[in-house]
């Protein structure tokens, strides 16, 4: 991200992530690796607006606030952290964001669970990054790579070899980290205990 800012390929980044990742990960990790100090567009409407209006080259916002965005002019690069949050192309947040994406020349998606919930979820994740990867219509995607097993309930199962075909088709636009590249380099497991007060709903 910093290199693209330095080279003038991107003028301003928008990072979209789950709220806890926005508040606990990006502000801590980004300065370590790149020197970037992101502005956080989380919290009250006034706090979000201040971050969006700031001079920060990177602004981080959570997925739940996407439908409140009205203008993304000034941003020409976007990073979706936990891209699987956009797996549903019919979802409210997906539609809200898609309308504002015309200025985004550079689009990156980060995920560690691209196909973990099924091959069908890959379509939405690819569409928000590049509509040319798997096409614009999910119906056409399903017809090409799946068999319908129950039309009444819209249930589809991948056709033989579909996973390999889909991954080959999107290969030019993806970078997959092989577990062998990092399995011996991971730090010890760190457990974070978070206690919350539950209310009595009875």
C-alpha atoms as a PDB file:
ATOM      1  CA  UNK A   1       0.000   0.000   0.000  1.00  0.00           C
ATOM      2  CA  UNK A   2       2.753   2.417   0.930  1.00  0.00           C
ATOM      3  CA  UNK A   3       4.683   1.597  -2.250  1.00  0.00           C
ATOM      4  CA  UNK A   4       1.641   2.359  -4.382  1.00  0.00           C
ATOM      5  CA  UNK A   5       1.151   5.652  -2.559  1.00  0.00           C
ATOM      6  CA  UNK A   6       4.820   6.496  -3.068  1.00  0.00           C
ATOM      7  CA  UNK A   7       4.645   5.667  -6.781  1.00  0.00           C
ATOM      8  CA  UNK A   8       1.470   7.682  -7.280  1.00  0.00           C
ATOM      9  CA  UNK A   9      -0.536   4.637  -8.342  1.00  0.00           C
ATOM     10  CA  UNK A  10      -3.005   5.257  -5.524  1.00  0.00           C
ATOM     11  CA  UNK A  11      -3.739   8.632  -3.957  1.00  0.00           C
ATOM     12  CA  UNK A  12      -5.882   7.417  -1.068  1.00  0.00           C
ATOM     13  CA  UNK A  13      -6.839   4.014   0.291  1.00  0.00           C
ATOM     14  CA  UNK A  14     -10.100   2.936   1.902  1.00  0.00           C
ATOM     15  CA  UNK A  15      -9.796  -0.179   4.059  1.00  0.00           C
ATOM     16  CA  UNK A  16     -13.022  -2.025   4.903  1.00  0.00           C
ATOM     17  CA  UNK A  17     -12.840  -4.501   7.793  1.00  0.00           C
ATOM     18  CA  UNK A  18     -14.835  -5.960  10.691  1.00  0.00           C
ATOM     19  CA  UNK A  19     -15.095  -3.438  13.535  1.00  0.00           C
ATOM     20  CA  UNK A  20     -12.700  -5.196  15.898  1.00  0.00           C
ATOM     21  CA  UNK A  21     -10.124  -5.499  13.120  1.00  0.00           C
ATOM     22  CA  UNK A  22     -10.579  -1.778  12.423  1.00  0.00           C
ATOM     23  CA  UNK A  23      -9.954  -0.761  16.010  1.00  0.00           C
ATOM     24  CA  UNK A  24      -7.511  -3.413  17.241  1.00  0.00           C
ATOM     25  CA  UNK A  25      -5.482  -4.551  14.223  1.00  0.00           C
ATOM     26  CA  UNK A  26      -5.008  -1.867  11.580  1.00  0.00           C
ATOM     27  CA  UNK A  27      -3.962   0.941  13.961  1.00  0.00           C
ATOM     28  CA  UNK A  28      -1.370  -1.380  15.535  1.00  0.00           C
ATOM     29  CA  UNK A  29      -0.071  -3.408  12.594  1.00  0.00           C
ATOM     30  CA  UNK A  30      -0.054  -0.846   9.766  1.00  0.00           C
ATOM     31  CA  UNK A  31       2.564   1.446  11.386  1.00  0.00           C
ATOM     32  CA  UNK A  32       4.781  -1.571  12.139  1.00  0.00           C
ATOM     33  CA  UNK A  33       5.006  -2.705   8.539  1.00  0.00           C
ATOM     34  CA  UNK A  34       4.610   0.427   6.465  1.00  0.00           C
ATOM     35  CA  UNK A  35       4.737   3.543   8.569  1.00  0.00           C
ATOM     36  CA  UNK A  36       1.116   4.227   7.666  1.00  0.00           C
ATOM     37  CA  UNK A  37      -1.073   5.643  10.424  1.00  0.00           C
ATOM     38  CA  UNK A  38      -4.661   5.119   9.306  1.00  0.00           C
ATOM     39  CA  UNK A  39      -7.613   7.299  10.243  1.00  0.00           C
ATOM     40  CA  UNK A  40     -10.442   5.302  11.840  1.00  0.00           C
ATOM     41  CA  UNK A  41     -13.921   5.959  10.442  1.00  0.00           C
ATOM     42  CA  UNK A  42     -15.679   4.145  13.287  1.00  0.00           C
ATOM     43  CA  UNK A  43     -17.750   5.370  16.200  1.00  0.00           C
ATOM     44  CA  UNK A  44     -20.224   8.241  16.050  1.00  0.00           C
ATOM     45  CA  UNK A  45     -21.312   9.864  12.773  1.00  0.00           C
ATOM     46  CA  UNK A  46     -19.149  12.876  13.640  1.00  0.00           C
ATOM     47  CA  UNK A  47     -16.093  10.679  14.249  1.00  0.00           C
ATOM     48  CA  UNK A  48     -16.614   8.828  10.985  1.00  0.00           C
ATOM     49  CA  UNK A  49     -17.066  12.055   9.047  1.00  0.00           C
ATOM     50  CA  UNK A  50     -13.900  13.532  10.573  1.00  0.00           C
ATOM     51  CA  UNK A  51     -11.857  10.517   9.482  1.00  0.00           C
ATOM     52  CA  UNK A  52     -13.251  10.631   5.954  1.00  0.00           C
ATOM     53  CA  UNK A  53     -12.446  14.358   5.699  1.00  0.00           C
ATOM     54  CA  UNK A  54      -8.961  13.962   7.161  1.00  0.00           C
ATOM     55  CA  UNK A  55      -5.703  14.174   5.231  1.00  0.00           C
ATOM     56  CA  UNK A  56      -4.880  10.540   6.057  1.00  0.00           C
ATOM     57  CA  UNK A  57      -3.781   8.513   3.053  1.00  0.00           C
ATOM     58  CA  UNK A  58      -5.474   5.432   4.529  1.00  0.00           C
ATOM     59  CA  UNK A  59      -8.929   5.427   6.119  1.00  0.00           C
ATOM     60  CA  UNK A  60     -10.321   2.324   7.828  1.00  0.00           C
ATOM     61  CA  UNK A  61     -14.076   1.767   8.089  1.00  0.00           C
ATOM     62  CA  UNK A  62     -16.110  -1.201   9.303  1.00  0.00           C
ATOM     63  CA  UNK A  63     -18.508  -3.202   7.142  1.00  0.00           C
ATOM     64  CA  UNK A  64     -21.562  -2.235   9.179  1.00  0.00           C
ATOM     65  CA  UNK A  65     -21.145   1.412   8.180  1.00  0.00           C
ATOM     66  CA  UNK A  66     -20.883   0.816   4.437  1.00  0.00           C
ATOM     67  CA  UNK A  67     -24.544   1.567   3.807  1.00  0.00           C
ATOM     68  CA  UNK A  68     -24.072   4.986   5.448  1.00  0.00           C
ATOM     69  CA  UNK A  69     -21.445   6.087   2.937  1.00  0.00           C
ATOM     70  CA  UNK A  70     -22.645   8.563   0.347  1.00  0.00           C
ATOM     71  CA  UNK A  71     -19.459   9.580  -1.423  1.00  0.00           C
ATOM     72  CA  UNK A  72     -16.063   7.987  -1.981  1.00  0.00           C
ATOM     73  CA  UNK A  73     -14.585  10.650  -4.220  1.00  0.00           C
ATOM     74  CA  UNK A  74     -10.911  11.078  -3.425  1.00  0.00           C
ATOM     75  CA  UNK A  75     -10.415   7.356  -2.844  1.00  0.00           C
ATOM     76  CA  UNK A  76      -8.982   5.370  -5.728  1.00  0.00           C
ATOM     77  CA  UNK A  77      -7.849   2.236  -3.900  1.00  0.00           C
ATOM     78  CA  UNK A  78      -9.758  -0.129  -1.619  1.00  0.00           C
ATOM     79  CA  UNK A  79      -8.762  -3.094   0.544  1.00  0.00           C
ATOM     80  CA  UNK A  80     -11.408  -5.513   1.788  1.00  0.00           C
ATOM     81  CA  UNK A  81     -10.108  -7.204   4.923  1.00  0.00           C
ATOM     82  CA  UNK A  82     -12.107 -10.400   5.531  1.00  0.00           C
ATOM     83  CA  UNK A  83     -13.453 -10.364   1.966  1.00  0.00           C
ATOM     84  CA  UNK A  84     -15.919 -13.139   2.784  1.00  0.00           C
ATOM     85  CA  UNK A  85     -18.141 -10.473   4.374  1.00  0.00           C
ATOM     86  CA  UNK A  86     -19.058  -9.553   0.791  1.00  0.00           C
ATOM     87  CA  UNK A  87     -19.880 -13.053  -0.421  1.00  0.00           C
ATOM     88  CA  UNK A  88     -23.561 -12.228  -0.951  1.00  0.00           C
ATOM     89  CA  UNK A  89     -23.998 -10.010  -4.052  1.00  0.00           C
ATOM     90  CA  UNK A  90     -27.650  -9.486  -3.099  1.00  0.00           C
ATOM     91  CA  UNK A  91     -26.774  -8.236   0.388  1.00  0.00           C
ATOM     92  CA  UNK A  92     -27.393  -4.701   1.641  1.00  0.00           C
ATOM     93  CA  UNK A  93     -23.750  -3.836   2.256  1.00  0.00           C
ATOM     94  CA  UNK A  94     -22.668  -5.285  -1.110  1.00  0.00           C
ATOM     95  CA  UNK A  95     -25.213  -3.222  -3.042  1.00  0.00           C
ATOM     96  CA  UNK A  96     -24.424  -0.079  -1.070  1.00  0.00           C
ATOM     97  CA  UNK A  97     -20.736  -0.395  -1.829  1.00  0.00           C
ATOM     98  CA  UNK A  98     -21.070  -1.454  -5.460  1.00  0.00           C
ATOM     99  CA  UNK A  99     -22.780   1.842  -6.306  1.00  0.00           C
ATOM    100  CA  UNK A 100     -19.807   3.810  -4.981  1.00  0.00           C
ATOM    101  CA  UNK A 101     -17.008   1.743  -6.488  1.00  0.00           C
ATOM    102  CA  UNK A 102     -16.615   3.479  -9.845  1.00  0.00           C
ATOM    103  CA  UNK A 103     -13.660   5.562  -8.629  1.00  0.00           C
ATOM    104  CA  UNK A 104     -11.779   2.554  -7.282  1.00  0.00           C
ATOM    105  CA  UNK A 105      -9.146   1.639  -9.853  1.00  0.00           C
ATOM    106  CA  UNK A 106      -7.272  -0.624  -7.430  1.00  0.00           C
ATOM    107  CA  UNK A 107      -9.225  -3.252  -5.459  1.00  0.00           C
ATOM    108  CA  UNK A 108      -7.706  -5.848  -3.157  1.00  0.00           C
ATOM    109  CA  UNK A 109      -9.419  -8.548  -1.115  1.00  0.00           C
ATOM    110  CA  UNK A 110      -7.865 -10.316   1.875  1.00  0.00           C
ATOM    111  CA  UNK A 111      -9.226 -13.584   3.227  1.00  0.00           C
ATOM    112  CA  UNK A 112      -8.068 -16.786   4.813  1.00  0.00           C
ATOM    113  CA  UNK A 113     -11.331 -18.600   4.069  1.00  0.00           C
ATOM    114  CA  UNK A 114     -12.053 -17.961   0.392  1.00  0.00           C
ATOM    115  CA  UNK A 115     -13.899 -21.233  -0.262  1.00  0.00           C
ATOM    116  CA  UNK A 116     -14.373 -22.570   3.265  1.00  0.00           C
ATOM    117  CA  UNK A 117     -18.166 -22.152   3.172  1.00  0.00           C
ATOM    118  CA  UNK A 118     -18.554 -23.484  -0.348  1.00  0.00           C
ATOM    119  CA  UNK A 119     -17.627 -22.613  -3.897  1.00  0.00           C
ATOM    120  CA  UNK A 120     -20.853 -20.666  -4.411  1.00  0.00           C
ATOM    121  CA  UNK A 121     -19.569 -17.906  -2.098  1.00  0.00           C
ATOM    122  CA  UNK A 122     -16.628 -17.205  -4.405  1.00  0.00           C
ATOM    123  CA  UNK A 123     -18.794 -15.337  -6.920  1.00  0.00           C
ATOM    124  CA  UNK A 124     -19.651 -12.344  -4.738  1.00  0.00           C
ATOM    125  CA  UNK A 125     -16.094 -12.002  -3.464  1.00  0.00           C
ATOM    126  CA  UNK A 126     -14.756 -11.904  -7.013  1.00  0.00           C
ATOM    127  CA  UNK A 127     -17.462  -9.595  -8.345  1.00  0.00           C
ATOM    128  CA  UNK A 128     -16.692  -6.802  -5.880  1.00  0.00           C
ATOM    129  CA  UNK A 129     -13.014  -6.983  -6.888  1.00  0.00           C
ATOM    130  CA  UNK A 130     -13.400  -7.370 -10.654  1.00  0.00           C
ATOM    131  CA  UNK A 131     -16.636  -8.111 -12.490  1.00  0.00           C
ATOM    132  CA  UNK A 132     -14.647  -9.658 -15.298  1.00  0.00           C
ATOM    133  CA  UNK A 133     -13.303 -12.499 -13.168  1.00  0.00           C
ATOM    134  CA  UNK A 134     -16.447 -14.628 -12.976  1.00  0.00           C
ATOM    135  CA  UNK A 135     -18.942 -12.452 -14.826  1.00  0.00           C
ATOM    136  CA  UNK A 136     -21.657 -10.064 -13.690  1.00  0.00           C
ATOM    137  CA  UNK A 137     -24.524 -12.506 -13.105  1.00  0.00           C
ATOM    138  CA  UNK A 138     -24.513 -15.127 -10.374  1.00  0.00           C
ATOM    139  CA  UNK A 139     -27.102 -17.173 -12.246  1.00  0.00           C
ATOM    140  CA  UNK A 140     -24.754 -17.625 -15.192  1.00  0.00           C
ATOM    141  CA  UNK A 141     -21.942 -18.568 -12.791  1.00  0.00           C
ATOM    142  CA  UNK A 142     -24.121 -21.228 -11.173  1.00  0.00           C
ATOM    143  CA  UNK A 143     -25.225 -22.612 -14.528  1.00  0.00           C
ATOM    144  CA  UNK A 144     -21.622 -22.948 -15.674  1.00  0.00           C
ATOM    145  CA  UNK A 145     -20.040 -24.537 -12.602  1.00  0.00           C
ATOM    146  CA  UNK A 146     -22.884 -26.151 -10.624  1.00  0.00           C
ATOM    147  CA  UNK A 147     -25.746 -28.618 -10.841  1.00  0.00           C
ATOM    148  CA  UNK A 148     -29.104 -27.582  -9.401  1.00  0.00           C
ATOM    149  CA  UNK A 149     -30.247 -30.210  -6.902  1.00  0.00           C
ATOM    150  CA  UNK A 150     -33.381 -28.448  -5.631  1.00  0.00           C
ATOM    151  CA  UNK A 151     -34.919 -25.585  -7.622  1.00  0.00           C
ATOM    152  CA  UNK A 152     -37.599 -24.912  -5.007  1.00  0.00           C
ATOM    153  CA  UNK A 153     -34.970 -24.070  -2.398  1.00  0.00           C
ATOM    154  CA  UNK A 154     -32.244 -22.830  -4.741  1.00  0.00           C
ATOM    155  CA  UNK A 155     -29.783 -25.543  -3.776  1.00  0.00           C
ATOM    156  CA  UNK A 156     -26.755 -26.067  -6.013  1.00  0.00           C
ATOM    157  CA  UNK A 157     -23.843 -28.449  -5.849  1.00  0.00           C
ATOM    158  CA  UNK A 158     -20.511 -27.924  -7.629  1.00  0.00           C
ATOM    159  CA  UNK A 159     -20.015 -29.886 -10.830  1.00  0.00           C
ATOM    160  CA  UNK A 160     -17.027 -32.266 -10.971  1.00  0.00           C
ATOM    161  CA  UNK A 161     -13.825 -30.268 -11.360  1.00  0.00           C
ATOM    162  CA  UNK A 162     -15.590 -26.943 -10.735  1.00  0.00           C
ATOM    163  CA  UNK A 163     -13.245 -25.828  -7.958  1.00  0.00           C
ATOM    164  CA  UNK A 164     -10.177 -26.363 -10.105  1.00  0.00           C
ATOM    165  CA  UNK A 165     -11.788 -24.596 -13.074  1.00  0.00           C
ATOM    166  CA  UNK A 166     -12.826 -21.573 -11.021  1.00  0.00           C
ATOM    167  CA  UNK A 167      -9.436 -21.244  -9.329  1.00  0.00           C
ATOM    168  CA  UNK A 168      -7.685 -21.465 -12.692  1.00  0.00           C
ATOM    169  CA  UNK A 169      -9.953 -18.777 -14.129  1.00  0.00           C
ATOM    170  CA  UNK A 170      -9.227 -16.294 -11.333  1.00  0.00           C
ATOM    171  CA  UNK A 171      -5.558 -17.252 -10.980  1.00  0.00           C
ATOM    172  CA  UNK A 172      -4.204 -14.141 -12.771  1.00  0.00           C
ATOM    173  CA  UNK A 173      -5.873 -11.924 -10.157  1.00  0.00           C
ATOM    174  CA  UNK A 174      -5.072 -13.931  -7.028  1.00  0.00           C
ATOM    175  CA  UNK A 175      -2.129 -14.587  -4.762  1.00  0.00           C
ATOM    176  CA  UNK A 176      -2.415 -17.725  -2.661  1.00  0.00           C
ATOM    177  CA  UNK A 177      -0.008 -18.308   0.194  1.00  0.00           C
ATOM    178  CA  UNK A 178       0.923 -21.967   0.468  1.00  0.00           C
ATOM    179  CA  UNK A 179       0.798 -23.282   4.061  1.00  0.00           C
ATOM    180  CA  UNK A 180       4.285 -24.680   3.560  1.00  0.00           C
ATOM    181  CA  UNK A 181       5.578 -21.130   3.217  1.00  0.00           C
ATOM    182  CA  UNK A 182       4.612 -20.123   6.727  1.00  0.00           C
ATOM    183  CA  UNK A 183       3.688 -23.120   8.884  1.00  0.00           C
ATOM    184  CA  UNK A 184       7.109 -23.172  10.583  1.00  0.00           C
ATOM    185  CA  UNK A 185       7.184 -19.394  11.062  1.00  0.00           C
ATOM    186  CA  UNK A 186       3.971 -18.794  12.956  1.00  0.00           C
ATOM    187  CA  UNK A 187       4.273 -17.370  16.479  1.00  0.00           C
ATOM    188  CA  UNK A 188       2.810 -19.298  19.420  1.00  0.00           C
ATOM    189  CA  UNK A 189      -0.954 -19.224  19.713  1.00  0.00           C
ATOM    190  CA  UNK A 190      -2.042 -16.163  21.690  1.00  0.00           C
ATOM    191  CA  UNK A 191      -5.443 -16.372  23.368  1.00  0.00           C
ATOM    192  CA  UNK A 192      -7.266 -13.099  23.982  1.00  0.00           C
ATOM    193  CA  UNK A 193     -10.026 -13.399  26.564  1.00  0.00           C
ATOM    194  CA  UNK A 194     -12.803 -10.846  26.175  1.00  0.00           C
ATOM    195  CA  UNK A 195     -15.453 -10.680  28.880  1.00  0.00           C
ATOM    196  CA  UNK A 196     -18.845  -9.154  28.150  1.00  0.00           C
ATOM    197  CA  UNK A 197     -21.818  -8.402  30.361  1.00  0.00           C
ATOM    198  CA  UNK A 198     -24.926 -10.218  29.141  1.00  0.00           C
ATOM    199  CA  UNK A 199     -28.329  -8.733  29.821  1.00  0.00           C
ATOM    200  CA  UNK A 200     -31.272 -10.749  31.055  1.00  0.00           C
ATOM    201  CA  UNK A 201     -33.602 -11.175  28.084  1.00  0.00           C
ATOM    202  CA  UNK A 202     -36.181 -13.087  30.104  1.00  0.00           C
END
